[in-house]
Every structure is written in C-alpha cells, then in structure tokens.
Amino acid sequence: MKKFPIFLLALTFSATAALAAGGLDYFLSNLNVQARADMSGFAGRLSAQFGVPGVQVSATLGTVKEPADAFMIYQLGQMTHQPYQRVLQTYQSNRGKGWGVIARSLGIKPGSAEFHALKRGDFALTGRPGSTWEQRDDYGKGKGRGKGHNK
C-alpha cells in the first residue's frame, strides 16, 4: 500500500515532463506523421501556404531528412523575410545542430517573439495562402512584463 503514493508521484512527474517536452519537437513529429500519410496533400499545403511552386516544394522535400524540415525551411524563410533557398543552405550547413541554431544564424534573436514561437512550436500547416505564425489566436499573449512600445 505504501508503494501506491510513490507510484502516483512518479506518474505525475513523468506526465508533467511529457507535457513540457511538447513544443517544437511534438509539432514536427505530428507534421511528419501527417506528411507520410498524404505526401502529395502535404506538399500542396506547403505550396499554398508559403506561395512556393509545387516543383520547388518537391525539390525541397527531396533534399531534407524529414518532411517537417521542409515546413520549417519555409516557415523560417517567412519569419526572417529571406528566400527559402538561403534557409535551405543554412539548414544544410548546420544539419544536426537544431532549429534554434539555424534560427539564430538567420537572425532570429534568442528571447524574441519569433524565437519563443519556435521553441513552443507555435506553427500550423493550414494550407491557406499567406497564413503566418503571427495570425494565431494566442500570438502576443505571453507573460511579458509590458515594457514594449506604447505600454
């Protein structure tokens, strides 16, 4: 009977760790599952959302390790206002170092709204043209101290 509270405590800690580990890795993992289930639909949504021709999306998908990596290349290009080809080059030269390193080398500063969105995985593959991470309902509702402009 004494083992039950210890088991319950261990279960609580492991569940908390699992929830905290969500973020970008969880988003990318789910995106890979979706992509593998319907690769042509995935490519079509990438093309529509980021305004990249399907041929270029197919070429990008052929050069990355995981389908979700193609999403991140286009997403970071949109966030940094850089062409996806530049992001793809940065991805290839920093492969295995993580998306945070890639984002920093593209000019996304740690602590910025963009960097926090990256760490949380606050992205969506909607397939709608021009949809951005900033258009999410919860964008800008962080726990900041209100020291920005006009505050």
N, C-alpha and C. Protein backbone atom coordinates (compact mmCIF):
# COMPACT_ATOMS: atom_id res chain seq x y z
N MET A 1 0.81 -1.19 0.00
CA MET A 1 0.00 0.00 0.00
C MET A 1 0.86 1.26 0.00
N LYS A 2 2.04 1.20 0.59
CA LYS A 2 2.92 2.35 0.62
C LYS A 2 3.51 2.65 -0.75
N LYS A 3 3.53 1.68 -1.62
CA LYS A 3 4.10 1.86 -2.95
C LYS A 3 3.17 2.66 -3.86
N PHE A 4 1.87 2.65 -3.59
CA PHE A 4 0.92 3.35 -4.44
C PHE A 4 1.17 4.87 -4.47
N PRO A 5 1.37 5.56 -3.34
CA PRO A 5 1.65 7.00 -3.41
C PRO A 5 2.94 7.32 -4.15
N ILE A 6 3.93 6.45 -4.01
CA ILE A 6 5.19 6.66 -4.71
C ILE A 6 4.97 6.50 -6.21
N PHE A 7 4.19 5.50 -6.59
CA PHE A 7 3.86 5.28 -7.99
C PHE A 7 3.09 6.48 -8.55
N LEU A 8 2.12 6.97 -7.78
CA LEU A 8 1.32 8.11 -8.20
C LEU A 8 2.19 9.36 -8.37
N LEU A 9 3.12 9.56 -7.47
CA LEU A 9 4.04 10.69 -7.56
C LEU A 9 4.93 10.57 -8.80
N ALA A 10 5.45 9.39 -9.05
CA ALA A 10 6.29 9.17 -10.23
C ALA A 10 5.51 9.38 -11.51
N LEU A 11 4.27 8.94 -11.54
CA LEU A 11 3.40 9.12 -12.70
C LEU A 11 3.14 10.60 -12.95
N THR A 12 2.92 11.36 -11.90
CA THR A 12 2.69 12.79 -12.03
C THR A 12 3.90 13.49 -12.62
N PHE A 13 5.11 13.16 -12.13
CA PHE A 13 6.32 13.78 -12.66
C PHE A 13 6.54 13.41 -14.12
N SER A 14 6.30 12.17 -14.49
CA SER A 14 6.53 11.77 -15.87
C SER A 14 5.50 12.41 -16.80
N ALA A 15 4.26 12.58 -16.35
CA ALA A 15 3.25 13.24 -17.17
C ALA A 15 3.59 14.71 -17.35
N THR A 16 4.08 15.35 -16.31
CA THR A 16 4.49 16.76 -16.41
C THR A 16 5.64 16.91 -17.37
N ALA A 17 6.60 16.02 -17.31
CA ALA A 17 7.74 16.08 -18.22
C ALA A 17 7.30 15.86 -19.66
N ALA A 18 6.35 14.96 -19.87
CA ALA A 18 5.86 14.70 -21.22
C ALA A 18 5.16 15.93 -21.78
N LEU A 19 4.37 16.61 -20.96
CA LEU A 19 3.70 17.82 -21.42
C LEU A 19 4.69 18.93 -21.71
N ALA A 20 5.69 19.08 -20.86
CA ALA A 20 6.69 20.13 -21.06
C ALA A 20 7.53 19.87 -22.29
N ALA A 21 7.68 18.61 -22.67
CA ALA A 21 8.50 18.27 -23.81
C ALA A 21 7.77 18.49 -25.13
N GLY A 22 6.53 18.92 -25.11
CA GLY A 22 5.75 19.17 -26.31
C GLY A 22 6.50 20.07 -27.27
N GLY A 23 6.09 21.28 -27.40
CA GLY A 23 6.80 22.28 -28.16
C GLY A 23 7.08 21.90 -29.60
N LEU A 24 8.21 22.36 -30.09
CA LEU A 24 8.57 22.19 -31.49
C LEU A 24 8.73 20.73 -31.87
N ASP A 25 9.38 19.94 -31.04
CA ASP A 25 9.58 18.52 -31.37
C ASP A 25 8.25 17.80 -31.54
N TYR A 26 7.30 18.09 -30.68
CA TYR A 26 5.97 17.48 -30.77
C TYR A 26 5.28 17.91 -32.06
N PHE A 27 5.33 19.20 -32.37
CA PHE A 27 4.71 19.70 -33.59
C PHE A 27 5.32 19.05 -34.83
N LEU A 28 6.66 19.00 -34.88
CA LEU A 28 7.33 18.43 -36.05
C LEU A 28 7.06 16.94 -36.19
N SER A 29 7.00 16.24 -35.07
CA SER A 29 6.69 14.81 -35.11
C SER A 29 5.29 14.57 -35.68
N ASN A 30 4.33 15.34 -35.22
CA ASN A 30 2.97 15.21 -35.75
C ASN A 30 2.90 15.59 -37.22
N LEU A 31 3.65 16.60 -37.61
CA LEU A 31 3.68 17.02 -39.00
C LEU A 31 4.26 15.92 -39.88
N ASN A 32 5.29 15.23 -39.41
CA ASN A 32 5.87 14.12 -40.17
C ASN A 32 4.87 12.99 -40.35
N VAL A 33 4.09 12.71 -39.33
CA VAL A 33 3.07 11.66 -39.43
C VAL A 33 2.04 12.04 -40.49
N GLN A 34 1.57 13.29 -40.44
CA GLN A 34 0.60 13.77 -41.43
C GLN A 34 1.17 13.70 -42.84
N ALA A 35 2.43 14.12 -42.99
CA ALA A 35 3.06 14.14 -44.31
C ALA A 35 3.19 12.73 -44.88
N ARG A 36 3.60 11.80 -44.06
CA ARG A 36 3.79 10.43 -44.55
C ARG A 36 2.46 9.77 -44.93
N ALA A 37 1.39 10.21 -44.29
CA ALA A 37 0.06 9.66 -44.61
C ALA A 37 -0.45 10.18 -45.95
N ASP A 38 -0.06 11.40 -46.33
CA ASP A 38 -0.53 12.01 -47.57
C ASP A 38 0.51 13.00 -48.06
N MET A 39 1.56 12.50 -48.69
CA MET A 39 2.68 13.36 -49.10
C MET A 39 2.25 14.39 -50.14
N SER A 40 1.41 14.01 -51.09
CA SER A 40 1.02 14.99 -52.11
C SER A 40 0.14 16.09 -51.50
N GLY A 41 -0.73 15.74 -50.56
CA GLY A 41 -1.53 16.75 -49.88
C GLY A 41 -0.67 17.66 -49.03
N PHE A 42 0.33 17.09 -48.37
CA PHE A 42 1.28 17.86 -47.56
C PHE A 42 2.02 18.86 -48.45
N ALA A 43 2.53 18.39 -49.58
CA ALA A 43 3.26 19.26 -50.50
C ALA A 43 2.35 20.37 -51.02
N GLY A 44 1.10 20.03 -51.32
CA GLY A 44 0.15 21.03 -51.79
C GLY A 44 -0.13 22.11 -50.76
N ARG A 45 -0.25 21.70 -49.49
CA ARG A 45 -0.49 22.68 -48.42
C ARG A 45 0.73 23.58 -48.22
N LEU A 46 1.92 23.00 -48.30
CA LEU A 46 3.15 23.81 -48.22
C LEU A 46 3.18 24.84 -49.34
N SER A 47 2.91 24.37 -50.54
CA SER A 47 2.92 25.26 -51.71
C SER A 47 1.93 26.40 -51.55
N ALA A 48 0.71 26.09 -51.14
CA ALA A 48 -0.33 27.11 -50.99
C ALA A 48 -0.02 28.08 -49.86
N GLN A 49 0.38 27.57 -48.72
CA GLN A 49 0.59 28.42 -47.55
C GLN A 49 1.77 29.37 -47.74
N PHE A 50 2.85 28.88 -48.32
CA PHE A 50 4.05 29.69 -48.42
C PHE A 50 4.26 30.30 -49.80
N GLY A 51 3.35 30.03 -50.74
CA GLY A 51 3.45 30.63 -52.06
C GLY A 51 4.64 30.15 -52.87
N VAL A 52 5.00 28.90 -52.67
CA VAL A 52 6.13 28.31 -53.38
C VAL A 52 5.58 27.32 -54.40
N PRO A 53 6.03 27.39 -55.66
CA PRO A 53 5.53 26.46 -56.67
C PRO A 53 5.76 25.00 -56.25
N GLY A 54 4.83 24.14 -56.64
CA GLY A 54 4.89 22.73 -56.29
C GLY A 54 6.18 22.04 -56.68
N VAL A 55 6.75 22.42 -57.82
CA VAL A 55 8.01 21.83 -58.27
C VAL A 55 9.12 22.13 -57.27
N GLN A 56 9.14 23.37 -56.76
CA GLN A 56 10.17 23.72 -55.79
C GLN A 56 9.94 23.03 -54.46
N VAL A 57 8.68 22.87 -54.06
CA VAL A 57 8.38 22.13 -52.83
C VAL A 57 8.86 20.69 -52.96
N SER A 58 8.60 20.07 -54.10
CA SER A 58 9.05 18.69 -54.33
C SER A 58 10.57 18.60 -54.27
N ALA A 59 11.24 19.59 -54.85
CA ALA A 59 12.71 19.60 -54.81
C ALA A 59 13.21 19.74 -53.37
N THR A 60 12.57 20.61 -52.60
CA THR A 60 12.97 20.79 -51.20
C THR A 60 12.73 19.51 -50.41
N LEU A 61 11.58 18.89 -50.61
CA LEU A 61 11.28 17.63 -49.91
C LEU A 61 12.31 16.55 -50.25
N GLY A 62 12.86 16.62 -51.45
CA GLY A 62 13.88 15.65 -51.85
C GLY A 62 15.25 15.89 -51.23
N THR A 63 15.46 17.07 -50.67
CA THR A 63 16.79 17.38 -50.12
C THR A 63 16.84 17.38 -48.60
N VAL A 64 15.69 17.26 -47.93
CA VAL A 64 15.68 17.30 -46.47
C VAL A 64 15.51 15.90 -45.90
N LYS A 65 15.89 15.76 -44.64
CA LYS A 65 15.82 14.46 -43.98
C LYS A 65 14.38 14.06 -43.69
N GLU A 66 13.58 14.98 -43.18
CA GLU A 66 12.20 14.72 -42.80
C GLU A 66 11.28 15.72 -43.50
N PRO A 67 10.05 15.33 -43.81
CA PRO A 67 9.12 16.27 -44.45
C PRO A 67 8.89 17.54 -43.63
N ALA A 68 8.85 17.41 -42.32
CA ALA A 68 8.63 18.59 -41.47
C ALA A 68 9.78 19.58 -41.59
N ASP A 69 10.97 19.11 -41.99
CA ASP A 69 12.08 20.02 -42.19
C ASP A 69 11.79 20.99 -43.33
N ALA A 70 11.09 20.53 -44.36
CA ALA A 70 10.71 21.41 -45.45
C ALA A 70 9.76 22.50 -44.94
N PHE A 71 8.82 22.11 -44.09
CA PHE A 71 7.93 23.12 -43.49
C PHE A 71 8.74 24.16 -42.75
N MET A 72 9.69 23.73 -41.93
CA MET A 72 10.49 24.66 -41.14
C MET A 72 11.35 25.57 -42.02
N ILE A 73 11.83 25.06 -43.12
CA ILE A 73 12.61 25.90 -44.03
C ILE A 73 11.74 27.04 -44.56
N TYR A 74 10.53 26.72 -44.98
CA TYR A 74 9.63 27.77 -45.48
C TYR A 74 9.16 28.69 -44.35
N GLN A 75 8.91 28.11 -43.18
CA GLN A 75 8.45 28.91 -42.04
C GLN A 75 9.53 29.91 -41.61
N LEU A 76 10.77 29.45 -41.49
CA LEU A 76 11.86 30.34 -41.10
C LEU A 76 12.12 31.39 -42.18
N GLY A 77 11.95 31.02 -43.43
CA GLY A 77 12.09 31.99 -44.51
C GLY A 77 11.05 33.09 -44.38
N GLN A 78 9.84 32.71 -44.05
CA GLN A 78 8.77 33.68 -43.86
C GLN A 78 9.05 34.57 -42.64
N MET A 79 9.49 33.95 -41.55
CA MET A 79 9.74 34.71 -40.32
C MET A 79 10.90 35.69 -40.46
N THR A 80 11.91 35.32 -41.23
CA THR A 80 13.10 36.16 -41.36
C THR A 80 13.08 37.00 -42.63
N HIS A 81 12.04 36.84 -43.44
CA HIS A 81 11.92 37.58 -44.71
C HIS A 81 13.10 37.29 -45.63
N GLN A 82 13.51 36.01 -45.64
CA GLN A 82 14.61 35.58 -46.50
C GLN A 82 14.09 34.51 -47.45
N PRO A 83 14.70 34.40 -48.63
CA PRO A 83 14.27 33.35 -49.56
C PRO A 83 14.54 31.97 -48.98
N TYR A 84 13.66 31.05 -49.32
CA TYR A 84 13.80 29.71 -48.77
C TYR A 84 15.12 29.06 -49.17
N GLN A 85 15.69 29.46 -50.31
CA GLN A 85 16.96 28.89 -50.74
C GLN A 85 18.07 29.21 -49.73
N ARG A 86 18.04 30.41 -49.18
CA ARG A 86 19.04 30.79 -48.17
C ARG A 86 18.84 29.98 -46.90
N VAL A 87 17.58 29.78 -46.52
CA VAL A 87 17.29 28.98 -45.32
C VAL A 87 17.72 27.53 -45.55
N LEU A 88 17.47 27.03 -46.75
CA LEU A 88 17.87 25.65 -47.09
C LEU A 88 19.39 25.50 -47.00
N GLN A 89 20.14 26.48 -47.48
CA GLN A 89 21.60 26.43 -47.38
C GLN A 89 22.05 26.42 -45.92
N THR A 90 21.41 27.25 -45.12
CA THR A 90 21.74 27.31 -43.69
C THR A 90 21.41 25.98 -43.01
N TYR A 91 20.26 25.39 -43.38
CA TYR A 91 19.85 24.09 -42.86
C TYR A 91 20.92 23.03 -43.20
N GLN A 92 21.36 23.03 -44.44
CA GLN A 92 22.33 22.02 -44.87
C GLN A 92 23.68 22.19 -44.18
N SER A 93 24.09 23.42 -43.95
CA SER A 93 25.39 23.62 -43.31
C SER A 93 25.34 23.44 -41.80
N ASN A 94 24.15 23.46 -41.21
CA ASN A 94 24.00 23.29 -39.76
C ASN A 94 23.20 22.05 -39.40
N ARG A 95 23.12 21.12 -40.31
CA ARG A 95 22.32 19.91 -40.10
C ARG A 95 22.74 19.21 -38.81
N GLY A 96 21.76 18.86 -38.03
CA GLY A 96 22.02 18.15 -36.78
C GLY A 96 22.24 19.05 -35.58
N LYS A 97 22.31 20.37 -35.79
CA LYS A 97 22.54 21.28 -34.67
C LYS A 97 21.24 21.80 -34.06
N GLY A 98 20.14 21.59 -34.74
CA GLY A 98 18.84 22.01 -34.20
C GLY A 98 18.33 23.28 -34.84
N TRP A 99 17.02 23.45 -34.76
CA TRP A 99 16.37 24.59 -35.37
C TRP A 99 16.69 25.90 -34.66
N GLY A 100 17.01 25.85 -33.38
CA GLY A 100 17.39 27.06 -32.66
C GLY A 100 18.68 27.64 -33.21
N VAL A 101 19.65 26.79 -33.49
CA VAL A 101 20.92 27.24 -34.07
C VAL A 101 20.70 27.81 -35.46
N ILE A 102 19.87 27.13 -36.24
CA ILE A 102 19.57 27.60 -37.59
C ILE A 102 18.87 28.95 -37.53
N ALA A 103 17.90 29.07 -36.63
CA ALA A 103 17.16 30.34 -36.49
C ALA A 103 18.10 31.47 -36.10
N ARG A 104 18.99 31.22 -35.15
CA ARG A 104 19.94 32.26 -34.72
C ARG A 104 20.85 32.67 -35.87
N SER A 105 21.31 31.71 -36.66
CA SER A 105 22.20 32.06 -37.77
C SER A 105 21.46 32.83 -38.86
N LEU A 106 20.14 32.75 -38.87
CA LEU A 106 19.33 33.53 -39.84
C LEU A 106 18.90 34.88 -39.28
N GLY A 107 19.27 35.16 -38.03
CA GLY A 107 18.99 36.46 -37.46
C GLY A 107 17.87 36.52 -36.45
N ILE A 108 17.29 35.38 -36.08
CA ILE A 108 16.26 35.37 -35.05
C ILE A 108 16.97 35.36 -33.70
N LYS A 109 16.72 36.37 -32.93
CA LYS A 109 17.43 36.56 -31.66
C LYS A 109 16.77 35.76 -30.54
N PRO A 110 17.58 35.09 -29.70
CA PRO A 110 17.02 34.42 -28.52
C PRO A 110 16.28 35.44 -27.66
N GLY A 111 15.13 35.05 -27.18
CA GLY A 111 14.32 35.95 -26.36
C GLY A 111 13.28 36.71 -27.16
N SER A 112 13.41 36.73 -28.49
CA SER A 112 12.44 37.44 -29.32
C SER A 112 11.14 36.64 -29.41
N ALA A 113 10.08 37.30 -29.86
CA ALA A 113 8.79 36.62 -30.03
C ALA A 113 8.92 35.47 -31.03
N GLU A 114 9.72 35.68 -32.07
CA GLU A 114 9.92 34.63 -33.07
C GLU A 114 10.61 33.41 -32.47
N PHE A 115 11.63 33.67 -31.65
CA PHE A 115 12.37 32.56 -31.04
C PHE A 115 11.48 31.78 -30.07
N HIS A 116 10.67 32.50 -29.29
CA HIS A 116 9.76 31.82 -28.37
C HIS A 116 8.72 30.99 -29.14
N ALA A 117 8.22 31.54 -30.24
CA ALA A 117 7.27 30.79 -31.06
C ALA A 117 7.92 29.52 -31.60
N LEU A 118 9.18 29.63 -31.98
CA LEU A 118 9.93 28.47 -32.47
C LEU A 118 10.03 27.41 -31.39
N LYS A 119 10.43 27.79 -30.20
CA LYS A 119 10.60 26.83 -29.11
C LYS A 119 9.28 26.17 -28.71
N ARG A 120 8.20 26.94 -28.75
CA ARG A 120 6.88 26.39 -28.38
C ARG A 120 6.26 25.59 -29.51
N GLY A 121 6.76 25.75 -30.73
CA GLY A 121 6.15 25.09 -31.87
C GLY A 121 4.82 25.72 -32.23
N ASP A 122 4.74 27.04 -32.10
CA ASP A 122 3.50 27.77 -32.37
C ASP A 122 3.30 27.99 -33.87
N PHE A 123 3.18 26.91 -34.60
CA PHE A 123 3.01 26.99 -36.04
C PHE A 123 1.83 26.11 -36.43
N ALA A 124 1.37 26.31 -37.65
CA ALA A 124 0.30 25.47 -38.17
C ALA A 124 0.46 25.36 -39.68
N LEU A 125 0.21 24.19 -40.19
CA LEU A 125 0.18 24.00 -41.64
C LEU A 125 -1.29 24.03 -42.03
N THR A 126 -1.76 25.21 -42.42
CA THR A 126 -3.17 25.40 -42.76
C THR A 126 -3.44 25.17 -44.22
N GLY A 127 -2.44 25.42 -45.06
CA GLY A 127 -2.64 25.32 -46.49
C GLY A 127 -3.29 26.56 -47.07
N ARG A 128 -3.53 27.56 -46.23
CA ARG A 128 -4.12 28.82 -46.71
C ARG A 128 -3.01 29.77 -47.10
N PRO A 129 -3.13 30.41 -48.24
CA PRO A 129 -2.10 31.37 -48.66
C PRO A 129 -1.89 32.47 -47.64
N GLY A 130 -0.64 32.74 -47.38
CA GLY A 130 -0.28 33.86 -46.52
C GLY A 130 -0.52 33.67 -45.05
N SER A 131 -0.98 32.51 -44.59
CA SER A 131 -1.20 32.35 -43.15
C SER A 131 0.16 32.30 -42.46
N THR A 132 0.27 33.03 -41.36
CA THR A 132 1.55 33.13 -40.68
C THR A 132 1.39 32.74 -39.22
N TRP A 133 2.50 32.55 -38.57
CA TRP A 133 2.50 32.19 -37.15
C TRP A 133 1.97 33.35 -36.33
N GLU A 134 2.09 34.58 -36.82
CA GLU A 134 1.62 35.75 -36.07
C GLU A 134 0.10 35.84 -36.04
N GLN A 135 -0.59 35.15 -36.95
CA GLN A 135 -2.04 35.22 -37.02
C GLN A 135 -2.73 34.26 -36.07
N ARG A 136 -1.96 33.49 -35.35
CA ARG A 136 -2.56 32.57 -34.38
C ARG A 136 -3.28 33.37 -33.29
N ASP A 137 -4.34 32.82 -32.75
CA ASP A 137 -5.13 33.49 -31.74
C ASP A 137 -4.33 33.84 -30.50
N ASP A 138 -3.34 33.03 -30.14
CA ASP A 138 -2.61 33.24 -28.91
C ASP A 138 -1.29 34.00 -29.11
N TYR A 139 -1.01 34.47 -30.33
CA TYR A 139 0.23 35.20 -30.57
C TYR A 139 0.21 36.51 -29.78
N GLY A 140 1.30 36.78 -29.11
CA GLY A 140 1.44 38.03 -28.37
C GLY A 140 0.79 38.02 -27.00
N LYS A 141 0.31 36.88 -26.55
CA LYS A 141 -0.35 36.81 -25.25
C LYS A 141 0.55 36.12 -24.23
N GLY A 142 1.83 36.41 -24.32
CA GLY A 142 2.78 35.79 -23.40
C GLY A 142 2.72 36.42 -22.03
N LYS A 143 3.68 36.06 -21.20
CA LYS A 143 3.73 36.56 -19.83
C LYS A 143 4.77 37.65 -19.70
N GLY A 144 4.89 38.49 -20.72
CA GLY A 144 5.86 39.56 -20.69
C GLY A 144 5.53 40.59 -19.62
N ARG A 145 6.47 41.46 -19.36
CA ARG A 145 6.30 42.46 -18.30
C ARG A 145 5.78 43.78 -18.85
N GLY A 146 5.41 43.82 -20.12
CA GLY A 146 4.80 45.01 -20.66
C GLY A 146 5.74 46.18 -20.83
N LYS A 147 6.99 45.93 -21.16
CA LYS A 147 7.96 47.00 -21.31
C LYS A 147 8.16 47.39 -22.77
N GLY A 148 7.26 46.94 -23.63
CA GLY A 148 7.38 47.26 -25.05
C GLY A 148 6.90 48.67 -25.34
N HIS A 149 6.89 49.02 -26.60
CA HIS A 149 6.43 50.34 -27.03
C HIS A 149 4.95 50.50 -26.70
N ASN A 150 4.55 51.72 -26.43
CA ASN A 150 3.16 52.08 -26.16
C ASN A 150 2.58 51.39 -24.94
N LYS A 151 3.39 51.05 -23.98
CA LYS A 151 2.88 50.40 -22.77
C LYS A 151 2.99 51.36 -21.62
